[in-house]
């Protein structure tokens, strides 16, 4: 089968990527689509835009948050029509979830029977010469010509080496976005946030909003904290020459550009080239980046809205939030809480920290080999998918086609979204995701030979 001959595409997962894939199939006159989602509150929202408090803001200005690549001002116009902000604003994630839901509703109305939404859990997928057969948890089955896995991120893994399952039930919180994260806490309590990135920022704001008045300690190996966006919007400069590929030379190049342009512009001017640079790098070079540079890249690339940065600064100034660097070693139950043994970065002595609650803020994961999701477990066991070499997610080729256990590229099974970061790297935020779903939808619709002006 060639991708342009598919008459029916099944999309597993209806978060941002899956929803946008369905919308783009309809917009470009592609095959009919079936969108499968097991959680009612995740339809068109996923984790990012469903389990969030109104004070949780997007990390990108509205001007770059259109879901439609051929209509870059779409989200800005949508906001303006509701009096909810302008191009330079940072909208709330809840508002963005409403935007996506409205886009999906409009597509359903325009597409009629070309889009079917199935509420259920996909647990298996079999590919044969005629198409794909998707098995559901309730015993149902969906047959299609091709399938797109839009599974989002895997939930945070339990911290390695810490026997959190031995702690009292309400001490360890594996879901940092849960609405009950502050339940049972008093103002004299201390909460440990495992991680110092964007997930820890979310958890700290949520704890504060839920009325927790105690102290929060955010701990990671390096203790790095996401940097803020500049207060006012400004277009990043366009870089014409490609930066050096060798990692050491690239670092020196970016540092030199930062001295001239400022660090934000030095990072932002790389965005149009990041995917191509990643794909051109070998596995060894990618591995070195992940080991040595990823934490620094993340805190400079994925930034905080100025309002969020101000709230975090206020919590730190009041002594209610601290970021520290060190390595966890062990955790044991202690009274109604826990005692964490940890070693400060650069030190040799172990210290003990009593805490009332531990919140896993290590962030979304992608290691298929640690997943307990039925669909992924079954696909891996059957050899129909494999993990990428760095275990960041699913192995895919440059056209988002899944690679099986024997290295064969499928012409019926595709994957999109953050689980393809091993192949694309810059594929975890809206600007990258909208282009991936756009490109795949246009190939299904045989429209990929037309320029980016839309149809």
Protein backbone atom coordinates (compact mmCIF):
# COMPACT_ATOMS: atom_id res chain seq x y z
CA UNK A 1 0.00 0.00 0.00
CA UNK A 2 1.14 3.54 -0.71
CA UNK A 3 0.19 6.14 1.84
CA UNK A 4 -1.91 8.08 -0.64
CA UNK A 5 -4.13 5.04 -1.31
CA UNK A 6 -5.47 4.73 2.24
CA UNK A 7 -9.24 5.20 2.43
CA UNK A 8 -9.54 4.93 6.22
CA UNK A 9 -7.01 5.93 8.88
CA UNK A 10 -7.36 5.04 12.57
CA UNK A 11 -5.72 7.46 15.01
CA UNK A 12 -4.95 6.11 18.48
CA UNK A 13 -4.95 8.96 20.99
CA UNK A 14 -6.93 12.19 20.84
CA UNK A 15 -4.64 14.64 22.60
CA UNK A 16 -3.12 17.55 20.71
CA UNK A 17 -1.28 15.45 18.10
CA UNK A 18 -4.08 12.96 17.41
CA UNK A 19 -6.76 15.63 17.31
CA UNK A 20 -4.75 17.78 14.93
CA UNK A 21 -4.01 14.75 12.75
CA UNK A 22 -7.74 14.13 12.34
CA UNK A 23 -8.45 17.81 11.66
CA UNK A 24 -5.74 18.00 9.01
CA UNK A 25 -6.94 14.83 7.27
CA UNK A 26 -10.35 16.47 6.86
CA UNK A 27 -8.96 19.88 5.88
CA UNK A 28 -6.85 18.41 3.09
CA UNK A 29 -9.45 16.07 1.67
CA UNK A 30 -7.67 12.99 2.95
CA UNK A 31 -9.13 9.62 3.91
CA UNK A 32 -11.86 9.27 6.48
CA UNK A 33 -10.61 8.98 10.04
CA UNK A 34 -11.49 7.20 13.26
CA UNK A 35 -10.16 8.92 16.39
CA UNK A 36 -9.80 6.59 19.39
CA UNK A 37 -9.50 7.98 22.94
CA UNK A 38 -10.00 6.14 26.21
CA UNK A 39 -10.36 9.14 28.56
CA UNK A 40 -13.29 11.50 28.22
CA UNK A 41 -11.44 14.54 29.59
CA UNK A 42 -8.50 14.03 27.20
CA UNK A 43 -10.44 14.41 23.95
CA UNK A 44 -8.79 17.31 22.05
CA UNK A 45 -6.84 18.20 25.20
CA UNK A 46 -4.54 15.39 26.27
CA UNK A 47 -2.54 15.67 29.49
CA UNK A 48 -1.16 19.13 28.76
CA UNK A 49 -4.49 20.92 28.41
CA UNK A 50 -6.88 18.85 30.55
CA UNK A 51 -5.35 18.33 34.01
CA UNK A 52 -4.36 21.95 34.51
CA UNK A 53 -5.32 24.84 36.76
CA UNK A 54 -6.46 28.14 35.17
CA UNK A 55 -3.24 29.73 36.44
CA UNK A 56 -1.11 27.28 34.46
CA UNK A 57 -0.01 29.25 31.40
CA UNK A 58 1.38 28.24 28.04
CA UNK A 59 5.15 28.49 27.68
CA UNK A 60 4.86 30.06 24.22
CA UNK A 61 3.30 33.38 23.25
CA UNK A 62 -0.05 33.27 21.48
CA UNK A 63 1.51 34.49 18.23
CA UNK A 64 3.20 31.10 17.76
CA UNK A 65 0.41 28.85 19.03
CA UNK A 66 -1.83 28.51 16.00
CA UNK A 67 -2.69 24.86 15.42
CA UNK A 68 -2.75 25.48 11.66
CA UNK A 69 0.59 26.01 9.86
CA UNK A 70 -1.11 27.66 6.88
CA UNK A 71 -2.93 30.16 9.14
CA UNK A 72 -0.35 31.42 11.67
CA UNK A 73 -2.71 34.04 13.17
CA UNK A 74 -5.57 31.63 13.75
CA UNK A 75 -5.16 31.34 17.53
CA UNK A 76 -4.57 35.08 17.93
CA UNK A 77 -7.83 35.82 16.10
CA UNK A 78 -9.63 33.21 18.20
CA UNK A 79 -8.36 34.87 21.40
CA UNK A 80 -9.23 38.36 20.18
CA UNK A 81 -12.78 37.33 19.34
CA UNK A 82 -13.23 36.32 22.98
CA UNK A 83 -11.36 39.24 24.49
CA UNK A 84 -8.86 36.78 25.96
CA UNK A 85 -5.51 38.31 24.95
CA UNK A 86 -3.29 39.36 22.09
CA UNK A 87 -0.36 38.06 20.08
CA UNK A 88 2.16 38.75 22.83
CA UNK A 89 0.14 37.18 25.65
CA UNK A 90 0.60 33.81 27.32
CA UNK A 91 -2.83 32.21 27.35
CA UNK A 92 -3.82 29.68 29.97
CA UNK A 93 -3.56 26.02 29.05
CA UNK A 94 -7.23 25.55 29.89
CA UNK A 95 -8.12 28.22 27.31
CA UNK A 96 -5.92 26.52 24.74
CA UNK A 97 -7.71 23.24 25.44
CA UNK A 98 -11.00 24.98 24.64
CA UNK A 99 -9.48 26.26 21.40
CA UNK A 100 -8.54 22.73 20.34
CA UNK A 101 -11.95 21.36 21.32
CA UNK A 102 -13.67 24.00 19.18
CA UNK A 103 -11.40 23.17 16.24
CA UNK A 104 -12.34 19.51 16.54
CA UNK A 105 -16.06 20.28 16.82
CA UNK A 106 -15.86 22.45 13.70
CA UNK A 107 -14.06 19.70 11.82
CA UNK A 108 -16.68 17.14 12.86
CA UNK A 109 -19.50 19.36 11.68
CA UNK A 110 -17.81 20.08 8.36
CA UNK A 111 -16.65 16.52 7.79
CA UNK A 112 -19.86 14.68 8.62
CA UNK A 113 -19.34 10.93 8.47
CA UNK A 114 -15.70 11.34 7.43
CA UNK A 115 -14.71 11.54 11.12
CA UNK A 116 -15.76 9.02 13.76
CA UNK A 117 -14.81 9.32 17.42
CA UNK A 118 -14.60 6.11 19.43
CA UNK A 119 -14.39 6.18 23.23
CA UNK A 120 -12.34 3.17 24.14
CA UNK A 121 -8.88 1.81 24.87
CA UNK A 122 -6.80 0.34 22.09
CA UNK A 123 -4.92 -2.67 23.49
CA UNK A 124 -3.50 -4.35 20.38
CA UNK A 125 -2.81 -3.68 16.74
CA UNK A 126 -2.17 -6.24 14.01
CA UNK A 127 -0.85 -5.30 10.59
CA UNK A 128 -1.45 -7.56 7.61
CA UNK A 129 -1.47 -7.34 3.85
CA UNK A 130 -4.95 -5.80 3.79
CA UNK A 131 -4.58 -3.17 6.48
CA UNK A 132 -4.52 -2.90 10.27
CA UNK A 133 -6.83 -4.36 12.89
CA UNK A 134 -7.06 -2.57 16.23
CA UNK A 135 -8.35 -4.48 19.23
CA UNK A 136 -10.17 -2.59 22.01
CA UNK A 137 -10.31 -3.38 25.71
CA UNK A 138 -14.07 -4.01 25.53
CA UNK A 139 -13.64 -6.66 22.85
CA UNK A 140 -14.45 -4.37 19.96
CA UNK A 141 -12.41 -4.07 16.80
CA UNK A 142 -11.60 -1.34 14.29
CA UNK A 143 -10.33 -2.16 10.81
CA UNK A 144 -8.49 0.48 8.78
CA UNK A 145 -6.03 0.81 5.95
CA UNK A 146 -3.43 2.51 8.18
CA UNK A 147 -3.00 3.58 11.79
CA UNK A 148 -1.34 6.56 13.45
CA UNK A 149 -0.11 6.23 17.04
CA UNK A 150 -0.56 9.58 18.78
CA UNK A 151 0.07 8.40 22.33
CA UNK A 152 1.50 11.54 23.87
CA UNK A 153 4.04 11.20 26.65
CA UNK A 154 4.28 8.28 29.01
CA UNK A 155 3.67 9.24 32.65
CA UNK A 156 6.71 9.82 34.88
CA UNK A 157 8.50 6.63 35.85
CA UNK A 158 8.95 5.81 39.51
CA UNK A 159 12.35 7.20 40.57
CA UNK A 160 15.01 4.49 40.17
CA UNK A 161 16.52 3.23 43.40
CA UNK A 162 13.81 4.72 45.62
CA UNK A 163 11.39 2.18 47.07
CA UNK A 164 8.45 4.60 47.01
CA UNK A 165 5.97 1.71 47.08
CA UNK A 166 6.97 1.09 50.71
CA UNK A 167 5.92 4.57 51.81
CA UNK A 168 2.54 5.35 53.41
CA UNK A 169 -0.16 5.73 50.79
CA UNK A 170 -0.45 9.52 50.80
CA UNK A 171 3.29 10.28 50.99
CA UNK A 172 4.31 9.59 47.38
CA UNK A 173 2.46 11.41 44.59
CA UNK A 174 3.23 9.95 41.19
CA UNK A 175 0.99 12.39 39.31
CA UNK A 176 2.28 15.98 39.75
CA UNK A 177 -0.86 17.43 38.12
CA UNK A 178 -3.40 15.66 40.34
CA UNK A 179 -6.01 17.96 41.88
CA UNK A 180 -5.51 16.40 45.33
CA UNK A 181 -1.78 17.11 45.44
CA UNK A 182 -2.14 19.35 48.52
CA UNK A 183 -4.71 17.26 50.42
CA UNK A 184 -3.74 16.49 54.00
CA UNK A 185 -0.84 18.95 54.11
CA UNK A 186 -0.39 21.58 56.79
CA UNK A 187 1.54 24.83 56.78
CA UNK A 188 4.27 23.25 58.87
CA UNK A 189 4.92 20.49 56.34
CA UNK A 190 7.67 20.17 53.77
CA UNK A 191 7.09 18.83 50.27
CA UNK A 192 9.89 17.41 48.12
CA UNK A 193 9.59 17.94 44.38
CA UNK A 194 11.74 15.41 42.54
CA UNK A 195 12.89 17.50 39.59
CA UNK A 196 13.51 21.21 39.00
CA UNK A 197 12.11 21.65 35.47
CA UNK A 198 8.77 22.75 34.08
CA UNK A 199 6.90 19.93 35.83
CA UNK A 200 8.24 21.08 39.20
CA UNK A 201 7.16 24.63 38.36
CA UNK A 202 3.64 23.35 37.64
CA UNK A 203 3.54 21.38 40.88
CA UNK A 204 4.79 24.30 42.98
CA UNK A 205 2.16 26.63 41.54
CA UNK A 206 -0.56 24.05 42.02
CA UNK A 207 0.42 23.43 45.65
CA UNK A 208 0.42 27.16 46.32
CA UNK A 209 -2.92 27.66 44.58
CA UNK A 210 -4.47 24.78 46.54
CA UNK A 211 -3.61 26.59 49.76
CA UNK A 212 -0.44 24.83 50.86
CA UNK A 213 1.49 27.28 53.00
CA UNK A 214 4.49 25.14 53.92
CA UNK A 215 7.87 24.81 52.24
CA UNK A 216 8.77 23.13 48.96
CA UNK A 217 12.19 21.74 48.05
CA UNK A 218 12.84 21.02 44.36
CA UNK A 219 15.76 18.64 43.86
CA UNK A 220 17.58 17.50 40.73
CA UNK A 221 21.14 16.46 39.93
CA UNK A 222 22.10 19.92 38.67
CA UNK A 223 19.39 22.05 40.29
CA UNK A 224 18.79 23.96 37.04
CA UNK A 225 15.65 26.10 36.82
CA UNK A 226 13.82 27.07 33.58
CA UNK A 227 14.65 30.60 32.45
CA UNK A 228 11.94 33.21 31.77
CA UNK A 229 10.89 34.64 28.44
CA UNK A 230 11.76 38.30 27.91
CA UNK A 231 8.95 40.60 29.12
CA UNK A 232 8.07 41.90 25.65
CA UNK A 233 7.69 39.91 22.44
CA UNK A 234 10.41 40.26 19.83
CA UNK A 235 11.06 38.38 16.62
CA UNK A 236 14.18 36.23 16.78
CA UNK A 237 16.89 37.07 14.22
CA UNK A 238 17.16 34.87 11.16
CA UNK A 239 20.36 32.88 10.99
CA UNK A 240 21.45 32.16 7.45
CA UNK A 241 24.52 30.00 7.99
CA UNK A 242 24.23 26.56 9.56
CA UNK A 243 26.07 26.21 12.89
CA UNK A 244 28.89 23.67 13.25
CA UNK A 245 27.83 20.07 13.70
CA UNK A 246 30.53 18.99 16.16
CA UNK A 247 29.09 19.34 19.66
CA UNK A 248 32.06 21.13 21.23
CA UNK A 249 32.21 23.62 18.35
CA UNK A 250 28.45 24.11 18.49
CA UNK A 251 28.61 25.01 22.17
CA UNK A 252 31.38 27.49 21.52
CA UNK A 253 29.41 28.94 18.62
CA UNK A 254 26.23 29.43 20.67
CA UNK A 255 28.18 31.00 23.52
CA UNK A 256 29.79 33.43 21.11
CA UNK A 257 26.42 34.31 19.56
CA UNK A 258 24.96 34.77 23.04
CA UNK A 259 27.61 37.35 23.87
CA UNK A 260 26.59 39.30 20.78
CA UNK A 261 22.83 38.74 20.59
CA UNK A 262 21.88 37.65 24.11
CA UNK A 263 21.23 34.05 25.07
CA UNK A 264 17.54 34.02 24.08
CA UNK A 265 18.22 35.03 20.49
CA UNK A 266 21.22 32.70 20.28
CA UNK A 267 18.93 29.78 21.18
CA UNK A 268 15.90 30.94 19.21
CA UNK A 269 17.78 31.35 15.95
CA UNK A 270 18.57 27.62 16.06
CA UNK A 271 14.92 26.56 16.09
CA UNK A 272 14.43 26.30 12.30
CA UNK A 273 17.53 24.08 12.11
CA UNK A 274 17.21 21.94 15.23
CA UNK A 275 15.40 18.97 13.70
CA UNK A 276 17.76 18.81 10.71
CA UNK A 277 20.80 19.06 12.99
CA UNK A 278 19.47 16.26 15.20
CA UNK A 279 18.72 13.98 12.26
CA UNK A 280 22.15 14.60 10.75
CA UNK A 281 23.91 13.67 13.99
CA UNK A 282 24.93 10.10 14.70
CA UNK A 283 23.79 8.09 17.69
CA UNK A 284 27.03 8.74 19.57
CA UNK A 285 26.76 12.51 19.11
CA UNK A 286 23.11 12.48 20.16
CA UNK A 287 24.02 10.47 23.24
CA UNK A 288 26.70 12.97 24.24
CA UNK A 289 24.19 15.78 23.88
CA UNK A 290 21.70 13.99 26.14
CA UNK A 291 24.31 13.20 28.79
CA UNK A 292 26.04 16.55 28.97
CA UNK A 293 23.97 19.31 27.41
CA UNK A 294 20.29 18.39 27.54
CA UNK A 295 19.60 19.88 31.01
CA UNK A 296 21.13 23.20 29.95
CA UNK A 297 19.34 23.18 26.61
CA UNK A 298 15.99 22.44 28.26
CA UNK A 299 16.08 25.33 30.73
CA UNK A 300 17.04 27.82 28.03
CA UNK A 301 14.82 26.45 25.24
CA UNK A 302 11.61 25.73 27.21
CA UNK A 303 10.97 28.91 29.16
CA UNK A 304 8.51 30.36 31.62
CA UNK A 305 5.92 33.00 30.92
CA UNK A 306 7.01 36.21 32.70
CA UNK A 307 3.97 36.04 35.00
CA UNK A 308 4.84 32.48 36.03
CA UNK A 309 8.48 33.41 36.58
CA UNK A 310 7.31 36.26 38.82
CA UNK A 311 5.22 33.92 40.97
CA UNK A 312 8.13 31.50 41.31
CA UNK A 313 10.46 34.34 42.28
CA UNK A 314 7.95 35.44 44.93
CA UNK A 315 7.81 31.93 46.41
CA UNK A 316 11.59 31.75 46.47
CA UNK A 317 11.88 35.21 47.99
CA UNK A 318 9.47 34.23 50.77
CA UNK A 319 11.57 31.16 51.55
CA UNK A 320 8.76 28.81 50.59
CA UNK A 321 10.47 27.30 47.53
CA UNK A 322 14.08 26.23 47.15
CA UNK A 323 15.90 24.63 44.25
CA UNK A 324 18.83 22.42 45.19
CA UNK A 325 21.28 20.18 43.33
CA UNK A 326 22.09 16.68 44.47
CA UNK A 327 21.52 12.97 44.06
CA UNK A 328 18.88 10.90 45.81
CA UNK A 329 20.12 7.73 47.48
CA UNK A 330 17.33 6.18 49.54
CA UNK A 331 13.96 6.94 51.06
CA UNK A 332 12.30 5.36 54.08
CA UNK A 333 9.03 5.82 55.90
CA UNK A 334 9.29 8.14 58.90
CA UNK A 335 6.21 8.87 60.99
CA UNK A 336 3.45 10.10 58.70
CA UNK A 337 6.01 11.10 56.08
CA UNK A 338 9.37 10.02 54.75
CA UNK A 339 13.09 10.55 55.23
CA UNK A 340 15.17 11.11 52.11
CA UNK A 341 18.89 10.36 52.07
CA UNK A 342 20.63 12.50 49.47
CA UNK A 343 24.08 13.80 48.60
CA UNK A 344 24.53 17.47 47.63
CA UNK A 345 26.19 18.04 44.25
CA UNK A 346 29.94 18.32 44.69
CA UNK A 347 29.80 16.87 48.19
CA UNK A 348 30.65 13.46 49.58
CA UNK A 349 28.57 13.34 52.75
CA UNK A 350 25.02 12.02 52.78
CA UNK A 351 22.34 14.20 54.33
CA UNK A 352 18.87 13.26 55.55
CA UNK A 353 15.80 15.34 54.72
CA UNK A 354 12.44 14.74 56.45
CA UNK A 355 9.45 15.43 54.20
CA UNK A 356 5.70 14.99 54.45
CA UNK A 357 5.13 14.34 50.75
CA UNK A 358 7.24 13.46 47.70
CA UNK A 359 5.96 14.56 44.28
CA UNK A 360 7.42 12.99 41.16
CA UNK A 361 8.30 15.95 38.92
CA UNK A 362 10.83 14.17 36.74
CA UNK A 363 8.61 14.95 33.76
CA UNK A 364 7.02 12.87 31.00
CA UNK A 365 8.96 9.85 29.86
CA UNK A 366 9.32 7.90 26.63
CA UNK A 367 11.13 4.67 27.50
CA UNK A 368 8.98 1.97 25.89
CA UNK A 369 10.81 -0.78 27.74
CA UNK A 370 9.50 0.54 31.07
CA UNK A 371 5.95 1.13 29.91
CA UNK A 372 3.01 -0.85 31.27
CA UNK A 373 0.57 0.43 28.62
CA UNK A 374 -1.16 -2.62 27.12
CA UNK A 375 -0.92 -1.42 23.54
CA UNK A 376 2.80 -0.68 23.74
CA UNK A 377 3.57 -3.88 25.64
CA UNK A 378 1.74 -5.97 23.04
CA UNK A 379 3.25 -4.18 20.05
CA UNK A 380 6.75 -4.56 21.47
CA UNK A 381 6.23 -8.24 22.29
CA UNK A 382 5.04 -8.91 18.74
CA UNK A 383 7.97 -6.99 17.25
CA UNK A 384 5.70 -4.54 15.42
CA UNK A 385 7.47 -1.53 16.97
CA UNK A 386 10.78 -0.96 18.68
CA UNK A 387 12.34 1.66 20.92
CA UNK A 388 14.73 4.13 19.32
CA UNK A 389 18.39 3.56 20.07
CA UNK A 390 18.45 6.17 22.86
CA UNK A 391 15.16 4.94 24.35
CA UNK A 392 13.48 8.32 24.02
CA UNK A 393 10.39 6.78 22.45
CA UNK A 394 9.25 4.94 19.32
CA UNK A 395 11.67 4.38 16.46
CA UNK A 396 10.40 6.12 13.30
CA UNK A 397 11.89 7.20 10.01
CA UNK A 398 11.91 10.74 8.60
CA UNK A 399 8.33 10.31 7.36
CA UNK A 400 6.94 9.25 10.76
CA UNK A 401 6.68 5.60 9.69
CA UNK A 402 7.13 3.10 12.52
CA UNK A 403 10.16 0.82 12.45
CA UNK A 404 9.57 -2.76 13.63
CA UNK A 405 11.78 -5.02 15.70
CA UNK A 406 13.66 -6.23 12.64
CA UNK A 407 14.35 -2.75 11.30
CA UNK A 408 11.62 -2.84 8.63
CA UNK A 409 9.80 0.41 7.94
CA UNK A 410 6.03 -0.01 7.91
CA UNK A 411 3.81 1.44 5.19
CA UNK A 412 0.69 1.12 7.36
CA UNK A 413 1.75 2.09 10.90
CA UNK A 414 2.83 5.64 11.72
CA UNK A 415 3.64 7.53 14.91
CA UNK A 416 3.47 11.23 15.76
CA UNK A 417 3.97 13.42 18.80
CA UNK A 418 6.47 13.45 21.67
CA UNK A 419 7.02 9.68 21.44
CA UNK A 420 8.91 10.31 18.18
CA UNK A 421 11.50 12.60 19.79
CA UNK A 422 14.22 10.03 19.11
CA UNK A 423 13.84 10.77 15.41
CA UNK A 424 12.97 14.45 15.53
CA UNK A 425 14.04 15.76 18.97
CA UNK A 426 12.27 19.13 18.58
CA UNK A 427 8.81 17.55 18.64
CA UNK A 428 7.40 18.20 22.12
CA UNK A 429 5.82 21.64 21.66
CA UNK A 430 3.08 23.00 19.40
CA UNK A 431 5.35 24.55 16.70
CA UNK A 432 6.98 21.20 15.94
CA UNK A 433 3.89 19.04 16.41
CA UNK A 434 1.68 21.06 14.08
CA UNK A 435 4.19 20.67 11.25
CA UNK A 436 4.52 16.91 11.79
CA UNK A 437 0.76 16.32 11.73
CA UNK A 438 0.39 18.67 8.76
CA UNK A 439 3.04 16.87 6.72
CA UNK A 440 1.64 13.40 7.44
CA UNK A 441 -1.95 14.44 6.66
CA UNK A 442 -0.87 15.93 3.33
CA UNK A 443 0.89 12.71 2.35
CA UNK A 444 -2.28 10.74 3.15
CA UNK A 445 -4.23 13.23 1.00
CA UNK A 446 -1.68 13.19 -1.86
CA UNK A 447 -1.31 16.93 -1.30
CA UNK A 448 2.32 16.93 -0.17
CA UNK A 449 3.52 18.03 -3.61
CA UNK A 450 1.59 21.30 -3.22
CA UNK A 451 3.31 24.24 -1.49
CA UNK A 452 2.52 25.28 2.05
CA UNK A 453 -0.22 27.68 1.03
CA UNK A 454 -2.99 25.27 1.98
CA UNK A 455 -5.82 23.93 -0.13
